[in-house]
């Protein structure tokens, strides 16, 4: 193998961030639900905990996938859960529809509110872009997710610097907290609980890893790479606390307060791109799972089926979003799935997975 250092070490972190961000913190609502409700200082502690947990879990997952040659979530959970592998798939399908519902609703609202166009146009645009990306497969998905992640770093950096330059007094005044309690701890664990389902869907990148060192180092870097933009975004929320707690889409609230049209346009283009990233990651994982079944039957997955899967998933999810609303989806849907994913992924990874990594014994279940 002759894979570059970027492919082996850095790419997994950028893919993780690319899939996580759209359903994880692009609108800011998720950061409010899981972190800011614990207060500014408590929220920062919760985010630090989440970063460390992401790194540890990603490192273990990448290494188990490497030693078992598991490059899709289906094969990975065959090794981890044996005949019960389908339990993760049920949780993943539910989470996938939930995340697609969140980004679909947010994309529609964004286009309607900030461009004065029909919300349906934003949703259709999202569907088309996701369909195009998944049509061309893994190579294009890797390039786009990694490339747009670098764009996001620049965009969030500009936004945070400018915002805090205008409201630094508010930031300093709000960066205090007398009673931390344990809410930050629970919030951090719950955020990781639903978000770690993203890790098995980027296992196609493990093909680039050549050693245990690659897998562990890539996992260790994945946490900071994925969470740095979230921490930057959170700093602006501290300067907008506590008013931002009640905002349906905190990013909109802060952009209105900032009142800088150019930065607003750049930010929302970047955010729309994150929705495409996240949706592409979730749908691509399903396509790779379907393609694996075709391979087992000595057949090739039809190319037209890839965008068709995307279309079906997005239509179902948008219907879900219209029925429940953005805030309810995030507050109730994510919270319920957290403990299920911890039970079917994290607990087995820390027990069965660690044992298999140490022994390097491979069974298919």
Protein backbone atom coordinates (compact mmCIF):
# COMPACT_ATOMS: atom_id res chain seq x y z
CA UNK A 1 0.00 0.00 0.00
CA UNK A 2 1.16 3.55 -0.71
CA UNK A 3 -1.34 5.78 1.02
CA UNK A 4 -0.40 9.31 1.96
CA UNK A 5 -0.06 10.52 5.53
CA UNK A 6 -3.16 12.66 5.01
CA UNK A 7 -5.24 9.65 3.95
CA UNK A 8 -4.02 7.48 6.80
CA UNK A 9 -3.96 9.97 9.69
CA UNK A 10 -5.87 13.17 8.97
CA UNK A 11 -8.64 12.21 6.56
CA UNK A 12 -10.69 10.19 9.12
CA UNK A 13 -10.97 13.21 11.41
CA UNK A 14 -12.16 15.48 8.61
CA UNK A 15 -14.66 12.86 7.44
CA UNK A 16 -15.91 12.52 11.01
CA UNK A 17 -16.34 16.28 11.30
CA UNK A 18 -17.97 16.47 7.88
CA UNK A 19 -20.66 13.93 8.76
CA UNK A 20 -21.10 15.06 12.37
CA UNK A 21 -21.44 18.79 11.92
CA UNK A 22 -24.70 19.06 9.95
CA UNK A 23 -26.73 17.09 12.48
CA UNK A 24 -24.40 17.82 15.39
CA UNK A 25 -23.95 21.58 15.69
CA UNK A 26 -24.32 23.55 12.42
CA UNK A 27 -27.53 25.30 13.49
CA UNK A 28 -26.32 25.70 17.07
CA UNK A 29 -29.47 24.14 18.49
CA UNK A 30 -27.69 20.90 19.41
CA UNK A 31 -25.01 22.82 21.32
CA UNK A 32 -27.73 24.57 23.29
CA UNK A 33 -29.56 21.34 24.14
CA UNK A 34 -26.52 19.34 25.24
CA UNK A 35 -24.05 21.94 26.50
CA UNK A 36 -25.23 25.51 27.05
CA UNK A 37 -28.10 24.43 29.28
CA UNK A 38 -25.35 23.53 31.77
CA UNK A 39 -24.10 27.13 31.67
CA UNK A 40 -21.11 28.65 29.84
CA UNK A 41 -18.37 27.02 31.94
CA UNK A 42 -20.28 23.76 32.31
CA UNK A 43 -20.82 23.69 28.55
CA UNK A 44 -17.10 24.06 27.86
CA UNK A 45 -16.33 21.24 30.29
CA UNK A 46 -18.93 19.05 28.60
CA UNK A 47 -17.38 19.77 25.21
CA UNK A 48 -13.91 18.87 26.51
CA UNK A 49 -15.31 15.58 27.82
CA UNK A 50 -17.01 14.91 24.48
CA UNK A 51 -13.77 15.58 22.59
CA UNK A 52 -11.79 13.12 24.72
CA UNK A 53 -14.49 10.47 24.43
CA UNK A 54 -14.70 10.89 20.66
CA UNK A 55 -10.95 10.39 20.35
CA UNK A 56 -10.90 7.24 22.47
CA UNK A 57 -13.93 5.67 20.77
CA UNK A 58 -12.74 6.54 17.26
CA UNK A 59 -9.29 5.07 17.96
CA UNK A 60 -10.75 1.78 19.18
CA UNK A 61 -13.25 1.62 16.32
CA UNK A 62 -10.67 2.29 13.62
CA UNK A 63 -8.30 -0.34 15.01
CA UNK A 64 -11.00 -3.01 15.31
CA UNK A 65 -12.13 -2.23 11.77
CA UNK A 66 -8.53 -2.47 10.55
CA UNK A 67 -7.73 -5.85 12.14
CA UNK A 68 -11.05 -7.33 10.99
CA UNK A 69 -11.00 -5.74 7.52
CA UNK A 70 -14.40 -4.19 8.22
CA UNK A 71 -14.95 -1.23 5.90
CA UNK A 72 -18.72 -0.87 6.27
CA UNK A 73 -20.86 -0.69 9.39
CA UNK A 74 -22.53 -3.99 8.43
CA UNK A 75 -19.32 -6.03 8.43
CA UNK A 76 -18.01 -4.14 11.47
CA UNK A 77 -21.04 -5.05 13.59
CA UNK A 78 -21.02 -8.62 12.35
CA UNK A 79 -17.65 -8.87 14.09
CA UNK A 80 -18.68 -6.86 17.14
CA UNK A 81 -22.21 -8.16 17.82
CA UNK A 82 -22.32 -11.45 15.93
CA UNK A 83 -25.85 -12.45 15.00
CA UNK A 84 -27.21 -9.40 16.84
CA UNK A 85 -25.51 -6.99 14.41
CA UNK A 86 -28.88 -5.83 13.07
CA UNK A 87 -29.61 -4.02 16.37
CA UNK A 88 -27.17 -1.30 15.40
CA UNK A 89 -28.67 -1.11 11.92
CA UNK A 90 -32.13 -0.49 13.38
CA UNK A 91 -30.74 2.29 15.58
CA UNK A 92 -28.72 3.67 12.67
CA UNK A 93 -31.68 3.81 10.30
CA UNK A 94 -33.71 5.63 12.94
CA UNK A 95 -30.90 8.08 13.65
CA UNK A 96 -30.22 8.56 9.95
CA UNK A 97 -33.82 9.54 9.25
CA UNK A 98 -33.77 11.82 12.27
CA UNK A 99 -30.58 13.58 11.17
CA UNK A 100 -31.80 13.92 7.60
CA UNK A 101 -35.04 15.36 8.96
CA UNK A 102 -33.11 17.93 11.00
CA UNK A 103 -30.87 19.06 8.13
CA UNK A 104 -33.74 18.98 5.64
CA UNK A 105 -35.91 21.19 7.83
CA UNK A 106 -33.01 23.53 8.59
CA UNK A 107 -32.04 23.83 4.91
CA UNK A 108 -35.61 24.70 3.96
CA UNK A 109 -35.93 27.28 6.72
CA UNK A 110 -32.58 28.82 5.80
CA UNK A 111 -33.46 29.32 2.13
CA UNK A 112 -36.91 30.66 2.96
CA UNK A 113 -35.77 33.11 5.63
CA UNK A 114 -32.53 34.40 4.17
CA UNK A 115 -33.11 34.24 0.42
CA UNK A 116 -36.85 34.81 0.34
CA UNK A 117 -37.39 31.64 -1.69
CA UNK A 118 -39.63 28.65 -1.11
CA UNK A 119 -38.41 26.32 1.62
CA UNK A 120 -39.10 23.46 -0.79
CA UNK A 121 -36.35 24.83 -3.02
CA UNK A 122 -33.80 24.47 -0.24
CA UNK A 123 -34.92 20.92 0.44
CA UNK A 124 -34.84 19.93 -3.23
CA UNK A 125 -31.42 21.53 -3.65
CA UNK A 126 -30.16 19.49 -0.71
CA UNK A 127 -31.56 16.29 -2.25
CA UNK A 128 -29.96 16.96 -5.63
CA UNK A 129 -26.50 17.69 -4.23
CA UNK A 130 -26.55 14.61 -2.00
CA UNK A 131 -27.76 12.48 -4.89
CA UNK A 132 -24.94 13.70 -7.15
CA UNK A 133 -22.25 12.99 -4.56
CA UNK A 134 -23.42 9.50 -3.64
CA UNK A 135 -23.84 8.65 -7.33
CA UNK A 136 -20.08 8.94 -7.91
CA UNK A 137 -19.12 6.89 -4.85
CA UNK A 138 -16.42 6.81 -2.18
CA UNK A 139 -13.57 8.67 -3.92
CA UNK A 140 -15.64 11.80 -4.54
CA UNK A 141 -17.29 11.61 -1.10
CA UNK A 142 -13.85 11.56 0.57
CA UNK A 143 -12.60 14.55 -1.42
CA UNK A 144 -15.69 16.68 -0.94
CA UNK A 145 -16.13 15.97 2.78
CA UNK A 146 -12.47 16.65 3.54
CA UNK A 147 -12.27 19.74 1.30
CA UNK A 148 -15.42 21.37 2.65
CA UNK A 149 -14.24 20.70 6.20
CA UNK A 150 -11.26 22.96 5.56
CA UNK A 151 -13.63 25.65 4.23
CA UNK A 152 -15.61 25.37 7.47
CA UNK A 153 -12.56 26.01 9.61
CA UNK A 154 -11.98 29.31 7.82
CA UNK A 155 -15.64 30.31 7.92
CA UNK A 156 -16.13 29.58 11.62
CA UNK A 157 -12.85 31.29 12.42
CA UNK A 158 -13.88 34.52 10.64
CA UNK A 159 -17.32 34.47 12.23
CA UNK A 160 -16.02 33.94 15.77
CA UNK A 161 -13.27 36.58 15.55
CA UNK A 162 -15.67 39.20 14.19
CA UNK A 163 -18.50 38.33 16.56
CA UNK A 164 -16.35 38.42 19.69
CA UNK A 165 -14.72 41.66 18.55
CA UNK A 166 -18.20 43.20 18.66
CA UNK A 167 -19.47 41.53 21.83
CA UNK A 168 -16.34 40.80 23.85
CA UNK A 169 -17.84 42.57 26.86
CA UNK A 170 -20.81 40.22 26.86
CA UNK A 171 -18.46 37.26 26.55
CA UNK A 172 -16.38 38.28 29.57
CA UNK A 173 -19.45 39.01 31.68
CA UNK A 174 -21.06 35.66 30.88
CA UNK A 175 -17.96 33.50 31.33
CA UNK A 176 -18.72 32.88 34.97
CA UNK A 177 -20.66 30.18 36.73
CA UNK A 178 -21.05 29.52 40.43
CA UNK A 179 -22.69 26.10 40.58
CA UNK A 180 -21.48 23.61 37.99
CA UNK A 181 -23.40 20.57 39.20
CA UNK A 182 -23.36 17.44 37.04
CA UNK A 183 -25.46 18.57 34.10
CA UNK A 184 -22.33 19.21 32.00
CA UNK A 185 -21.24 15.60 32.57
CA UNK A 186 -24.59 14.16 31.55
CA UNK A 187 -24.82 16.50 28.57
CA UNK A 188 -21.37 15.53 27.31
CA UNK A 189 -22.09 11.81 27.60
CA UNK A 190 -25.49 12.12 25.91
CA UNK A 191 -24.03 14.16 23.04
CA UNK A 192 -21.36 11.53 22.47
CA UNK A 193 -23.94 8.77 22.86
CA UNK A 194 -25.91 9.68 19.76
CA UNK A 195 -22.99 11.18 17.81
CA UNK A 196 -20.74 8.10 17.91
CA UNK A 197 -23.09 6.39 15.48
CA UNK A 198 -21.35 8.56 12.89
CA UNK A 199 -18.01 6.78 13.38
CA UNK A 200 -18.97 3.38 11.90
CA UNK A 201 -20.35 5.05 8.77
CA UNK A 202 -16.94 6.47 7.78
CA UNK A 203 -15.12 3.14 8.04
CA UNK A 204 -14.48 3.15 4.29
CA UNK A 205 -11.51 5.41 5.10
CA UNK A 206 -9.90 2.68 7.25
CA UNK A 207 -8.77 1.02 4.01
CA UNK A 208 -6.00 3.62 3.91
CA UNK A 209 -4.58 2.69 7.34
CA UNK A 210 -1.51 0.47 7.35
CA UNK A 211 -0.79 -0.17 11.04
CA UNK A 212 -2.16 0.02 14.57
CA UNK A 213 -0.27 3.29 14.99
CA UNK A 214 -2.20 4.77 12.04
CA UNK A 215 -5.55 3.73 13.50
CA UNK A 216 -4.87 4.97 17.03
CA UNK A 217 -3.34 8.25 15.89
CA UNK A 218 -6.17 8.91 13.43
CA UNK A 219 -8.70 8.24 16.19
CA UNK A 220 -6.89 10.48 18.69
CA UNK A 221 -6.95 13.36 16.18
CA UNK A 222 -10.57 12.78 15.16
CA UNK A 223 -11.99 14.20 18.39
CA UNK A 224 -10.20 17.60 18.29
CA UNK A 225 -10.63 17.96 14.51
CA UNK A 226 -14.38 17.37 14.76
CA UNK A 227 -15.03 19.46 17.87
CA UNK A 228 -12.84 22.53 17.29
CA UNK A 229 -15.45 24.31 15.10
CA UNK A 230 -18.09 23.46 17.70
CA UNK A 231 -16.00 25.02 20.48
CA UNK A 232 -15.44 28.16 18.36
CA UNK A 233 -19.18 28.38 17.68
CA UNK A 234 -19.90 27.87 21.37
CA UNK A 235 -17.74 30.87 22.29
CA UNK A 236 -20.09 33.14 20.34
CA UNK A 237 -23.01 31.56 22.19
CA UNK A 238 -21.44 32.50 25.50
CA UNK A 239 -21.50 36.12 24.33
CA UNK A 240 -25.21 35.67 23.52
CA UNK A 241 -26.17 33.90 26.76
CA UNK A 242 -28.89 33.45 28.07
CA UNK A 243 -31.05 34.87 25.25
CA UNK A 244 -29.79 32.27 22.78
CA UNK A 245 -31.28 29.45 24.89
CA UNK A 246 -34.74 30.23 23.51
CA UNK A 247 -33.72 30.60 19.87
CA UNK A 248 -35.05 27.88 17.54
CA UNK A 249 -31.98 28.30 15.31
CA UNK A 250 -29.24 30.00 17.38
CA UNK A 251 -27.12 30.69 14.29
CA UNK A 252 -29.94 32.84 12.89
CA UNK A 253 -30.31 34.71 16.15
CA UNK A 254 -26.60 35.55 16.32
CA UNK A 255 -26.40 36.56 12.67
CA UNK A 256 -29.29 38.97 13.17
CA UNK A 257 -27.53 40.44 16.18
CA UNK A 258 -24.25 40.77 14.26
CA UNK A 259 -25.94 42.48 11.29
CA UNK A 260 -23.13 41.93 8.76
CA UNK A 261 -24.67 40.87 5.41
CA UNK A 262 -21.43 39.62 3.80
CA UNK A 263 -20.41 37.45 6.75
CA UNK A 264 -24.00 36.22 6.93
CA UNK A 265 -23.98 35.09 3.29
CA UNK A 266 -20.60 33.35 3.64
CA UNK A 267 -21.68 31.64 6.86
CA UNK A 268 -24.93 30.28 5.45
CA UNK A 269 -23.29 28.99 2.30
CA UNK A 270 -20.86 27.11 4.53
CA UNK A 271 -23.67 25.81 6.75
CA UNK A 272 -25.69 24.61 3.75
CA UNK A 273 -22.57 22.74 2.69
CA UNK A 274 -22.46 21.04 6.09
CA UNK A 275 -25.99 19.78 5.57
CA UNK A 276 -24.89 18.28 2.26
CA UNK A 277 -21.84 16.71 3.97
CA UNK A 278 -23.86 15.12 6.74
CA UNK A 279 -26.62 13.86 4.49
CA UNK A 280 -24.08 12.44 2.05
CA UNK A 281 -22.25 10.60 4.83
CA UNK A 282 -25.38 8.93 6.15
CA UNK A 283 -26.72 7.94 2.73
CA UNK A 284 -23.32 6.80 1.45
CA UNK A 285 -23.02 4.41 4.40
CA UNK A 286 -26.35 2.81 3.48
CA UNK A 287 -25.25 2.52 -0.13
CA UNK A 288 -21.99 0.84 0.89
CA UNK A 289 -23.97 -1.59 3.05
CA UNK A 290 -26.20 -2.44 0.06
CA UNK A 291 -23.18 -2.70 -2.26
CA UNK A 292 -21.59 -5.20 0.13
CA UNK A 293 -24.60 -7.51 -0.26
CA UNK A 294 -24.33 -7.27 -4.04
CA UNK A 295 -20.63 -8.23 -3.83
CA UNK A 296 -21.47 -11.27 -1.69
CA UNK A 297 -23.79 -12.37 -4.49
CA UNK A 298 -21.05 -11.75 -7.10
CA UNK A 299 -22.95 -8.84 -8.56
CA UNK A 300 -22.39 -5.10 -8.81
CA UNK A 301 -24.71 -2.54 -7.28
CA UNK A 302 -26.51 -0.59 -10.05
CA UNK A 303 -25.27 2.99 -10.18
CA UNK A 304 -28.82 4.38 -10.44
CA UNK A 305 -29.69 2.79 -7.09
CA UNK A 306 -27.32 5.09 -5.16
CA UNK A 307 -29.20 8.39 -5.76
CA UNK A 308 -32.51 6.52 -5.51
CA UNK A 309 -31.67 5.48 -1.94
CA UNK A 310 -30.84 9.12 -1.18
CA UNK A 311 -34.16 10.33 -2.60
CA UNK A 312 -36.24 7.82 -0.64
CA UNK A 313 -34.43 8.56 2.63
CA UNK A 314 -34.77 12.32 2.23
CA UNK A 315 -38.47 12.23 1.32
CA UNK A 316 -39.27 10.09 4.37
CA UNK A 317 -37.15 12.28 6.66
CA UNK A 318 -38.62 15.57 5.41
CA UNK A 319 -42.10 14.21 6.07
CA UNK A 320 -40.93 13.43 9.59
CA UNK A 321 -39.55 16.94 10.04
CA UNK A 322 -42.78 18.56 8.90
CA UNK A 323 -44.70 16.49 11.42
CA UNK A 324 -42.61 17.13 14.53
CA UNK A 325 -40.61 20.33 14.11
CA UNK A 326 -36.88 21.02 14.53
CA UNK A 327 -36.69 21.60 18.29
CA UNK A 328 -38.75 18.53 19.18
CA UNK A 329 -36.72 16.34 16.85
CA UNK A 330 -33.46 17.37 18.48
CA UNK A 331 -34.64 17.45 22.10
CA UNK A 332 -36.64 14.23 22.09
CA UNK A 333 -35.36 12.15 19.20
CA UNK A 334 -31.65 12.44 19.93
CA UNK A 335 -32.14 11.94 23.65
CA UNK A 336 -34.03 8.69 23.17
CA UNK A 337 -31.51 7.23 20.72
CA UNK A 338 -28.50 8.10 22.88
CA UNK A 339 -28.88 5.24 25.32
CA UNK A 340 -29.74 2.73 22.59
CA UNK A 341 -26.54 3.51 20.66
CA UNK A 342 -24.46 3.37 23.84
CA UNK A 343 -25.91 -0.09 24.54
CA UNK A 344 -25.42 -1.57 21.05
CA UNK A 345 -22.14 0.14 20.12
CA UNK A 346 -20.12 1.66 22.97
CA UNK A 347 -20.55 -1.08 25.58
CA UNK A 348 -19.74 -3.93 23.15
CA UNK A 349 -16.78 -1.93 21.75
CA UNK A 350 -15.26 -1.51 25.22
CA UNK A 351 -15.72 -5.20 26.05
CA UNK A 352 -15.92 -7.55 23.06
CA UNK A 353 -14.12 -5.13 20.76
CA UNK A 354 -11.14 -4.57 23.03
CA UNK A 355 -10.80 -8.32 23.60
CA UNK A 356 -10.78 -9.00 19.85
CA UNK A 357 -8.22 -6.28 19.23
CA UNK A 358 -5.92 -7.77 21.82
CA UNK A 359 -6.25 -11.32 20.52
CA UNK A 360 -6.67 -10.40 16.83
CA UNK A 361 -9.05 -13.33 16.50
CA UNK A 362 -11.63 -12.72 13.81
CA UNK A 363 -15.07 -14.31 13.64
CA UNK A 364 -17.95 -13.28 11.37
CA UNK A 365 -20.81 -14.07 13.71
